[in-house]
């Protein structure tokens, strides 16, 4: 499809307002989605950093003088089947 002039291209035989409004809405919504995703990503990263910082500050600091205690002890049990 060839147009005689740039004005004819913009008018698109009477369909121009619909076409250009559609393009405009598309690009505005894409920009809104990109900005919203970027802001949400930054908010999630910030909350993860805060949570990690809170957990590391609550973690007990190991003493270098004492050995860590065993979490569990295991004993061997002999089972006889008579």
PDB file of N, CA and C in Angstrom:
ATOM      1  N   UNK A   1       0.856  -1.166   0.000  1.00  0.00           N
ATOM      2  CA  UNK A   1       0.000   0.000   0.000  1.00  0.00           C
ATOM      3  C   UNK A   1       0.901   1.227   0.000  1.00  0.00           C
ATOM      4  N   UNK A   2       0.749   2.044  -0.953  1.00  0.00           N
ATOM      5  CA  UNK A   2       1.550   3.255  -1.085  1.00  0.00           C
ATOM      6  C   UNK A   2       0.657   4.467  -0.831  1.00  0.00           C
ATOM      7  N   UNK A   3       1.217   5.470  -0.188  1.00  0.00           N
ATOM      8  CA  UNK A   3       0.476   6.701   0.117  1.00  0.00           C
ATOM      9  C   UNK A   3       1.064   7.833  -0.704  1.00  0.00           C
ATOM     10  N   UNK A   4       0.210   8.782  -1.058  1.00  0.00           N
ATOM     11  CA  UNK A   4       0.652   9.909  -1.873  1.00  0.00           C
ATOM     12  C   UNK A   4       1.480  10.895  -1.070  1.00  0.00           C
ATOM     13  N   UNK A   5       1.158  11.047   0.210  1.00  0.00           N
ATOM     14  CA  UNK A   5       1.877  12.010   1.046  1.00  0.00           C
ATOM     15  C   UNK A   5       1.895  11.509   2.483  1.00  0.00           C
ATOM     16  N   UNK A   6       2.639  12.218   3.308  1.00  0.00           N
ATOM     17  CA  UNK A   6       2.713  11.855   4.722  1.00  0.00           C
ATOM     18  C   UNK A   6       1.362  12.071   5.401  1.00  0.00           C
ATOM     19  N   UNK A   7       0.642  13.110   5.005  1.00  0.00           N
ATOM     20  CA  UNK A   7      -0.699  13.356   5.541  1.00  0.00           C
ATOM     21  C   UNK A   7      -1.655  12.213   5.218  1.00  0.00           C
ATOM     22  N   UNK A   8      -1.544  11.675   4.008  1.00  0.00           N
ATOM     23  CA  UNK A   8      -2.371  10.526   3.635  1.00  0.00           C
ATOM     24  C   UNK A   8      -1.979   9.294   4.445  1.00  0.00           C
ATOM     25  N   UNK A   9      -0.682   9.173   4.736  1.00  0.00           N
ATOM     26  CA  UNK A   9      -0.224   8.067   5.583  1.00  0.00           C
ATOM     27  C   UNK A   9      -0.822   8.172   6.976  1.00  0.00           C
ATOM     28  N   UNK A  10      -0.827   9.382   7.555  1.00  0.00           N
ATOM     29  CA  UNK A  10      -1.395   9.560   8.889  1.00  0.00           C
ATOM     30  C   UNK A  10      -2.900   9.341   8.901  1.00  0.00           C
ATOM     31  N   UNK A  11      -3.590   9.756   7.844  1.00  0.00           N
ATOM     32  CA  UNK A  11      -5.044   9.608   7.782  1.00  0.00           C
ATOM     33  C   UNK A  11      -5.455   8.165   7.496  1.00  0.00           C
ATOM     34  N   UNK A  12      -4.668   7.434   6.737  1.00  0.00           N
ATOM     35  CA  UNK A  12      -4.924   6.041   6.394  1.00  0.00           C
ATOM     36  C   UNK A  12      -6.363   5.824   5.929  1.00  0.00           C
ATOM     37  N   UNK A  13      -6.785   6.651   4.992  1.00  0.00           N
ATOM     38  CA  UNK A  13      -8.116   6.566   4.391  1.00  0.00           C
ATOM     39  C   UNK A  13      -9.231   6.552   5.426  1.00  0.00           C
ATOM     40  N   UNK A  14      -9.087   7.368   6.459  1.00  0.00           N
ATOM     41  CA  UNK A  14     -10.114   7.491   7.491  1.00  0.00           C
ATOM     42  C   UNK A  14      -9.904   6.603   8.695  1.00  0.00           C
ATOM     43  N   UNK A  15      -8.990   5.663   8.638  1.00  0.00           N
ATOM     44  CA  UNK A  15      -8.735   4.739   9.751  1.00  0.00           C
ATOM     45  C   UNK A  15      -7.580   5.200  10.639  1.00  0.00           C
ATOM     46  N   UNK A  16      -6.973   6.284  10.311  1.00  0.00           N
ATOM     47  CA  UNK A  16      -5.797   6.770  11.027  1.00  0.00           C
ATOM     48  C   UNK A  16      -6.010   6.997  12.515  1.00  0.00           C
ATOM     49  N   UNK A  17      -7.106   7.685  12.921  1.00  0.00           N
ATOM     50  CA  UNK A  17      -7.273   7.916  14.365  1.00  0.00           C
ATOM     51  C   UNK A  17      -7.329   6.614  15.176  1.00  0.00           C
ATOM     52  N   UNK A  18      -8.028   5.619  14.666  1.00  0.00           N
ATOM     53  CA  UNK A  18      -8.111   4.341  15.374  1.00  0.00           C
ATOM     54  C   UNK A  18      -6.741   3.667  15.423  1.00  0.00           C
ATOM     55  N   UNK A  19      -6.049   3.642  14.304  1.00  0.00           N
ATOM     56  CA  UNK A  19      -4.750   2.957  14.230  1.00  0.00           C
ATOM     57  C   UNK A  19      -3.741   3.633  15.151  1.00  0.00           C
ATOM     58  N   UNK A  20      -3.633   4.956  15.061  1.00  0.00           N
ATOM     59  CA  UNK A  20      -2.626   5.648  15.859  1.00  0.00           C
ATOM     60  C   UNK A  20      -2.988   5.668  17.331  1.00  0.00           C
ATOM     61  N   UNK A  21      -4.280   5.709  17.649  1.00  0.00           N
ATOM     62  CA  UNK A  21      -4.682   5.606  19.060  1.00  0.00           C
ATOM     63  C   UNK A  21      -4.336   4.224  19.615  1.00  0.00           C
ATOM     64  N   UNK A  22      -4.506   3.199  18.815  1.00  0.00           N
ATOM     65  CA  UNK A  22      -4.153   1.834  19.242  1.00  0.00           C
ATOM     66  C   UNK A  22      -2.657   1.713  19.508  1.00  0.00           C
ATOM     67  N   UNK A  23      -1.867   2.253  18.576  1.00  0.00           N
ATOM     68  CA  UNK A  23      -0.418   2.249  18.806  1.00  0.00           C
ATOM     69  C   UNK A  23      -0.056   3.034  20.070  1.00  0.00           C
ATOM     70  N   UNK A  24      -0.680   4.170  20.264  1.00  0.00           N
ATOM     71  CA  UNK A  24      -0.393   4.985  21.440  1.00  0.00           C
ATOM     72  C   UNK A  24      -0.738   4.265  22.730  1.00  0.00           C
ATOM     73  N   UNK A  25      -1.910   3.638  22.779  1.00  0.00           N
ATOM     74  CA  UNK A  25      -2.312   2.898  23.980  1.00  0.00           C
ATOM     75  C   UNK A  25      -1.352   1.744  24.229  1.00  0.00           C
ATOM     76  N   UNK A  26      -0.968   1.044  23.176  1.00  0.00           N
ATOM     77  CA  UNK A  26      -0.034  -0.065  23.314  1.00  0.00           C
ATOM     78  C   UNK A  26       1.284   0.389  23.935  1.00  0.00           C
ATOM     79  N   UNK A  27       1.869   1.450  23.389  1.00  0.00           N
ATOM     80  CA  UNK A  27       3.170   1.892  23.895  1.00  0.00           C
ATOM     81  C   UNK A  27       3.070   2.468  25.298  1.00  0.00           C
ATOM     82  N   UNK A  28       1.984   3.139  25.622  1.00  0.00           N
ATOM     83  CA  UNK A  28       1.804   3.650  26.989  1.00  0.00           C
ATOM     84  C   UNK A  28       1.679   2.484  27.968  1.00  0.00           C
ATOM     85  N   UNK A  29       0.871   1.484  27.627  1.00  0.00           N
ATOM     86  CA  UNK A  29       0.719   0.337  28.521  1.00  0.00           C
ATOM     87  C   UNK A  29       2.015  -0.452  28.667  1.00  0.00           C
ATOM     88  N   UNK A  30       2.769  -0.582  27.592  1.00  0.00           N
ATOM     89  CA  UNK A  30       4.054  -1.267  27.697  1.00  0.00           C
ATOM     90  C   UNK A  30       5.007  -0.515  28.617  1.00  0.00           C
ATOM     91  N   UNK A  31       5.012   0.801  28.528  1.00  0.00           N
ATOM     92  CA  UNK A  31       5.864   1.615  29.406  1.00  0.00           C
ATOM     93  C   UNK A  31       5.423   1.459  30.862  1.00  0.00           C
ATOM     94  N   UNK A  32       4.118   1.471  31.098  1.00  0.00           N
ATOM     95  CA  UNK A  32       3.604   1.311  32.464  1.00  0.00           C
ATOM     96  C   UNK A  32       3.985  -0.060  33.013  1.00  0.00           C
ATOM     97  N   UNK A  33       3.844  -1.099  32.209  1.00  0.00           N
ATOM     98  CA  UNK A  33       4.230  -2.437  32.654  1.00  0.00           C
ATOM     99  C   UNK A  33       5.719  -2.546  32.946  1.00  0.00           C
ATOM    100  N   UNK A  34       6.540  -1.939  32.115  1.00  0.00           N
ATOM    101  CA  UNK A  34       7.982  -2.001  32.341  1.00  0.00           C
ATOM    102  C   UNK A  34       8.373  -1.266  33.611  1.00  0.00           C
ATOM    103  N   UNK A  35       7.816  -0.089  33.819  1.00  0.00           N
ATOM    104  CA  UNK A  35       8.141   0.681  35.021  1.00  0.00           C
ATOM    105  C   UNK A  35       7.617  -0.035  36.262  1.00  0.00           C
ATOM    106  N   UNK A  36       6.401  -0.573  36.181  1.00  0.00           N
ATOM    107  CA  UNK A  36       5.839  -1.306  37.317  1.00  0.00           C
ATOM    108  C   UNK A  36       6.644  -2.541  37.659  1.00  0.00           C
ATOM    109  N   UNK A  37       7.081  -3.273  36.642  1.00  0.00           N
ATOM    110  CA  UNK A  37       7.899  -4.464  36.887  1.00  0.00           C
ATOM    111  C   UNK A  37       9.239  -4.099  37.502  1.00  0.00           C
ATOM    112  N   UNK A  38       9.829  -3.042  37.019  1.00  0.00           N
ATOM    113  CA  UNK A  38      11.113  -2.591  37.561  1.00  0.00           C
ATOM    114  C   UNK A  38      10.968  -2.176  39.026  1.00  0.00           C
ATOM    115  N   UNK A  39       9.902  -1.447  39.342  1.00  0.00           N
ATOM    116  CA  UNK A  39       9.689  -1.011  40.725  1.00  0.00           C
ATOM    117  C   UNK A  39       9.386  -2.190  41.635  1.00  0.00           C
ATOM    118  N   UNK A  40       8.577  -3.148  41.155  1.00  0.00           N
ATOM    119  CA  UNK A  40       8.257  -4.322  41.966  1.00  0.00           C
ATOM    120  C   UNK A  40       9.510  -5.155  42.202  1.00  0.00           C
ATOM    121  N   UNK A  41      10.347  -5.302  41.177  1.00  0.00           N
ATOM    122  CA  UNK A  41      11.599  -6.042  41.332  1.00  0.00           C
ATOM    123  C   UNK A  41      12.481  -5.406  42.392  1.00  0.00           C
ATOM    124  N   UNK A  42      12.606  -4.093  42.339  1.00  0.00           N
ATOM    125  CA  UNK A  42      13.425  -3.399  43.329  1.00  0.00           C
ATOM    126  C   UNK A  42      12.839  -3.537  44.731  1.00  0.00           C
ATOM    127  N   UNK A  43      11.512  -3.520  44.856  1.00  0.00           N
ATOM    128  CA  UNK A  43      10.888  -3.686  46.167  1.00  0.00           C
ATOM    129  C   UNK A  43      11.140  -5.083  46.722  1.00  0.00           C
ATOM    130  N   UNK A  44      11.056  -6.099  45.870  1.00  0.00           N
ATOM    131  CA  UNK A  44      11.312  -7.470  46.312  1.00  0.00           C
ATOM    132  C   UNK A  44      12.773  -7.631  46.711  1.00  0.00           C
ATOM    133  N   UNK A  45      13.681  -7.101  45.922  1.00  0.00           N
ATOM    134  CA  UNK A  45      15.105  -7.190  46.274  1.00  0.00           C
ATOM    135  C   UNK A  45      15.392  -6.475  47.592  1.00  0.00           C
ATOM    136  N   UNK A  46      14.778  -5.330  47.801  1.00  0.00           N
ATOM    137  CA  UNK A  46      14.990  -4.585  49.041  1.00  0.00           C
ATOM    138  C   UNK A  46      14.448  -5.369  50.235  1.00  0.00           C
ATOM    139  N   UNK A  47      13.273  -5.977  50.098  1.00  0.00           N
ATOM    140  CA  UNK A  47      12.724  -6.749  51.216  1.00  0.00           C
ATOM    141  C   UNK A  47      13.571  -7.985  51.499  1.00  0.00           C
ATOM    142  N   UNK A  48      14.119  -8.601  50.456  1.00  0.00           N
ATOM    143  CA  UNK A  48      15.014  -9.742  50.667  1.00  0.00           C
ATOM    144  C   UNK A  48      16.282  -9.313  51.392  1.00  0.00           C
ATOM    145  N   UNK A  49      16.814  -8.166  51.021  1.00  0.00           N
ATOM    146  CA  UNK A  49      18.013  -7.670  51.709  1.00  0.00           C
ATOM    147  C   UNK A  49      17.724  -7.367  53.173  1.00  0.00           C
ATOM    148  N   UNK A  50      16.564  -6.777  53.447  1.00  0.00           N
ATOM    149  CA  UNK A  50      16.203  -6.475  54.830  1.00  0.00           C
ATOM    150  C   UNK A  50      16.014  -7.753  55.629  1.00  0.00           C
ATOM    151  N   UNK A  51      15.368  -8.756  55.046  1.00  0.00           N
ATOM    152  CA  UNK A  51      15.153 -10.022  55.722  1.00  0.00           C
ATOM    153  C   UNK A  51      16.475 -10.730  55.991  1.00  0.00           C
ATOM    154  N   UNK A  52      17.360 -10.717  55.018  1.00  0.00           N
ATOM    155  CA  UNK A  52      18.673 -11.341  55.208  1.00  0.00           C
ATOM    156  C   UNK A  52      19.478 -10.597  56.270  1.00  0.00           C
ATOM    157  N   UNK A  53      19.386  -9.283  56.290  1.00  0.00           N
ATOM    158  CA  UNK A  53      20.082  -8.503  57.307  1.00  0.00           C
ATOM    159  C   UNK A  53      19.529  -8.764  58.695  1.00  0.00           C
ATOM    160  N   UNK A  54      18.209  -8.913  58.799  1.00  0.00           N
ATOM    161  CA  UNK A  54      17.601  -9.196  60.096  1.00  0.00           C
ATOM    162  C   UNK A  54      17.981 -10.583  60.582  1.00  0.00           C
ATOM    163  N   UNK A  55      18.048 -11.548  59.672  1.00  0.00           N
ATOM    164  CA  UNK A  55      18.426 -12.904  60.074  1.00  0.00           C
ATOM    165  C   UNK A  55      19.889 -12.976  60.489  1.00  0.00           C
ATOM    166  N   UNK A  56      20.754 -12.266  59.776  1.00  0.00           N
ATOM    167  CA  UNK A  56      22.175 -12.332  60.122  1.00  0.00           C
ATOM    168  C   UNK A  56      22.457 -11.610  61.436  1.00  0.00           C
ATOM    169  N   UNK A  57      21.685 -10.596  61.760  1.00  0.00           N
ATOM    170  CA  UNK A  57      21.913  -9.897  63.026  1.00  0.00           C
ATOM    171  C   UNK A  57      21.388 -10.707  64.207  1.00  0.00           C
ATOM    172  N   UNK A  58      20.404 -11.600  63.977  1.00  0.00           N
ATOM    173  CA  UNK A  58      19.870 -12.432  65.052  1.00  0.00           C
ATOM    174  C   UNK A  58      20.664 -13.711  65.229  1.00  0.00           C
ATOM    175  N   UNK A  59      21.480 -14.077  64.280  1.00  0.00           N
ATOM    176  CA  UNK A  59      22.214 -15.339  64.346  1.00  0.00           C
ATOM    177  C   UNK A  59      23.243 -15.265  65.465  1.00  0.00           C
ATOM    178  N   UNK A  60      23.343 -16.339  66.262  1.00  0.00           N
ATOM    179  CA  UNK A  60      24.340 -16.332  67.341  1.00  0.00           C
ATOM    180  C   UNK A  60      25.747 -16.391  66.778  1.00  0.00           C
ATOM    181  N   UNK A  61      26.604 -15.657  67.407  1.00  0.00           N
ATOM    182  CA  UNK A  61      27.991 -15.634  66.975  1.00  0.00           C
ATOM    183  C   UNK A  61      28.736 -16.750  67.709  1.00  0.00           C
ATOM    184  N   UNK A  62      29.430 -17.625  66.981  1.00  0.00           N
ATOM    185  CA  UNK A  62      30.112 -18.755  67.624  1.00  0.00           C
ATOM    186  C   UNK A  62      31.321 -18.285  68.425  1.00  0.00           C
ATOM    187  N   UNK A  63      31.499 -18.937  69.576  1.00  0.00           N
ATOM    188  CA  UNK A  63      32.695 -18.667  70.384  1.00  0.00           C
ATOM    189  C   UNK A  63      33.845 -19.484  69.816  1.00  0.00           C
ATOM    190  N   UNK A  64      34.999 -18.896  69.788  1.00  0.00           N
ATOM    191  CA  UNK A  64      36.156 -19.618  69.265  1.00  0.00           C
ATOM    192  C   UNK A  64      36.725 -20.572  70.303  1.00  0.00           C
ATOM    193  N   UNK A  65      36.375 -20.410  71.609  1.00  0.00           N
ATOM    194  CA  UNK A  65      36.915 -21.256  72.674  1.00  0.00           C
ATOM    195  C   UNK A  65      36.183 -22.588  72.772  1.00  0.00           C
ATOM    196  N   UNK A  66      34.943 -22.639  72.413  1.00  0.00           N
ATOM    197  CA  UNK A  66      34.171 -23.869  72.586  1.00  0.00           C
ATOM    198  C   UNK A  66      33.910 -24.517  71.241  1.00  0.00           C
ATOM    199  N   UNK A  67      33.879 -25.825  71.266  1.00  0.00           N
ATOM    200  CA  UNK A  67      33.566 -26.585  70.060  1.00  0.00           C
ATOM    201  C   UNK A  67      32.051 -26.622  69.902  1.00  0.00           C
ATOM    202  N   UNK A  68      31.572 -26.680  68.704  1.00  0.00           N
ATOM    203  CA  UNK A  68      30.125 -26.746  68.532  1.00  0.00           C
ATOM    204  C   UNK A  68      29.566 -28.055  69.076  1.00  0.00           C
ATOM    205  N   UNK A  69      28.417 -27.965  69.709  1.00  0.00           N
ATOM    206  CA  UNK A  69      27.786 -29.144  70.296  1.00  0.00           C
ATOM    207  C   UNK A  69      27.200 -30.001  69.184  1.00  0.00           C
ATOM    208  N   UNK A  70      27.191 -31.299  69.435  1.00  0.00           N
ATOM    209  CA  UNK A  70      26.626 -32.218  68.457  1.00  0.00           C
ATOM    210  C   UNK A  70      25.113 -32.034  68.416  1.00  0.00           C
ATOM    211  N   UNK A  71      24.568 -32.095  67.226  1.00  0.00           N
ATOM    212  CA  UNK A  71      23.126 -31.906  67.082  1.00  0.00           C
ATOM    213  C   UNK A  71      22.371 -33.157  67.507  1.00  0.00           C
ATOM    214  N   UNK A  72      22.955 -34.331  67.360  1.00  0.00           N
ATOM    215  CA  UNK A  72      22.298 -35.581  67.723  1.00  0.00           C
ATOM    216  C   UNK A  72      23.359 -36.620  68.044  1.00  0.00           C
ATOM    217  N   UNK A  73      22.953 -37.612  68.806  1.00  0.00           N
ATOM    218  CA  UNK A  73      23.878 -38.706  69.089  1.00  0.00           C
ATOM    219  C   UNK A  73      23.231 -39.998  68.613  1.00  0.00           C
ATOM    220  N   UNK A  74      24.065 -40.908  68.163  1.00  0.00           N
ATOM    221  CA  UNK A  74      23.570 -42.147  67.622  1.00  0.00           C
ATOM    222  C   UNK A  74      24.232 -43.299  68.366  1.00  0.00           C
ATOM    223  N   UNK A  75      23.441 -44.293  68.701  1.00  0.00           N
ATOM    224  CA  UNK A  75      23.980 -45.499  69.351  1.00  0.00           C
ATOM    225  C   UNK A  75      23.553 -46.700  68.530  1.00  0.00           C
ATOM    226  N   UNK A  76      24.416 -47.693  68.504  1.00  0.00           N
ATOM    227  CA  UNK A  76      24.108 -48.922  67.770  1.00  0.00           C
ATOM    228  C   UNK A  76      23.251 -49.810  68.645  1.00  0.00           C
ATOM    229  N   UNK A  77      22.226 -50.327  68.048  1.00  0.00           N
ATOM    230  CA  UNK A  77      21.315 -51.251  68.750  1.00  0.00           C
ATOM    231  C   UNK A  77      21.369 -52.574  68.015  1.00  0.00           C
ATOM    232  N   UNK A  78      21.679 -53.638  68.771  1.00  0.00           N
ATOM    233  CA  UNK A  78      21.696 -54.978  68.188  1.00  0.00           C
ATOM    234  C   UNK A  78      20.318 -55.579  68.360  1.00  0.00           C
ATOM    235  N   UNK A  79      19.737 -55.964  67.277  1.00  0.00           N
ATOM    236  CA  UNK A  79      18.413 -56.568  67.332  1.00  0.00           C
ATOM    237  C   UNK A  79      18.559 -58.031  66.980  1.00  0.00           C
ATOM    238  N   UNK A  80      18.104 -58.878  67.902  1.00  0.00           N
ATOM    239  CA  UNK A  80      18.180 -60.304  67.653  1.00  0.00           C
ATOM    240  C   UNK A  80      16.790 -60.813  67.311  1.00  0.00           C
ATOM    241  N   UNK A  81      16.738 -61.715  66.381  1.00  0.00           N
ATOM    242  CA  UNK A  81      15.444 -62.279  65.999  1.00  0.00           C
ATOM    243  C   UNK A  81      15.451 -63.762  66.339  1.00  0.00           C
ATOM    244  N   UNK A  82      15.045 -64.045  67.518  1.00  0.00           N
ATOM    245  CA  UNK A  82      15.003 -65.449  67.976  1.00  0.00           C
ATOM    246  C   UNK A  82      13.638 -66.022  67.830  1.00  0.00           C
TER     247      UNK A  82
END
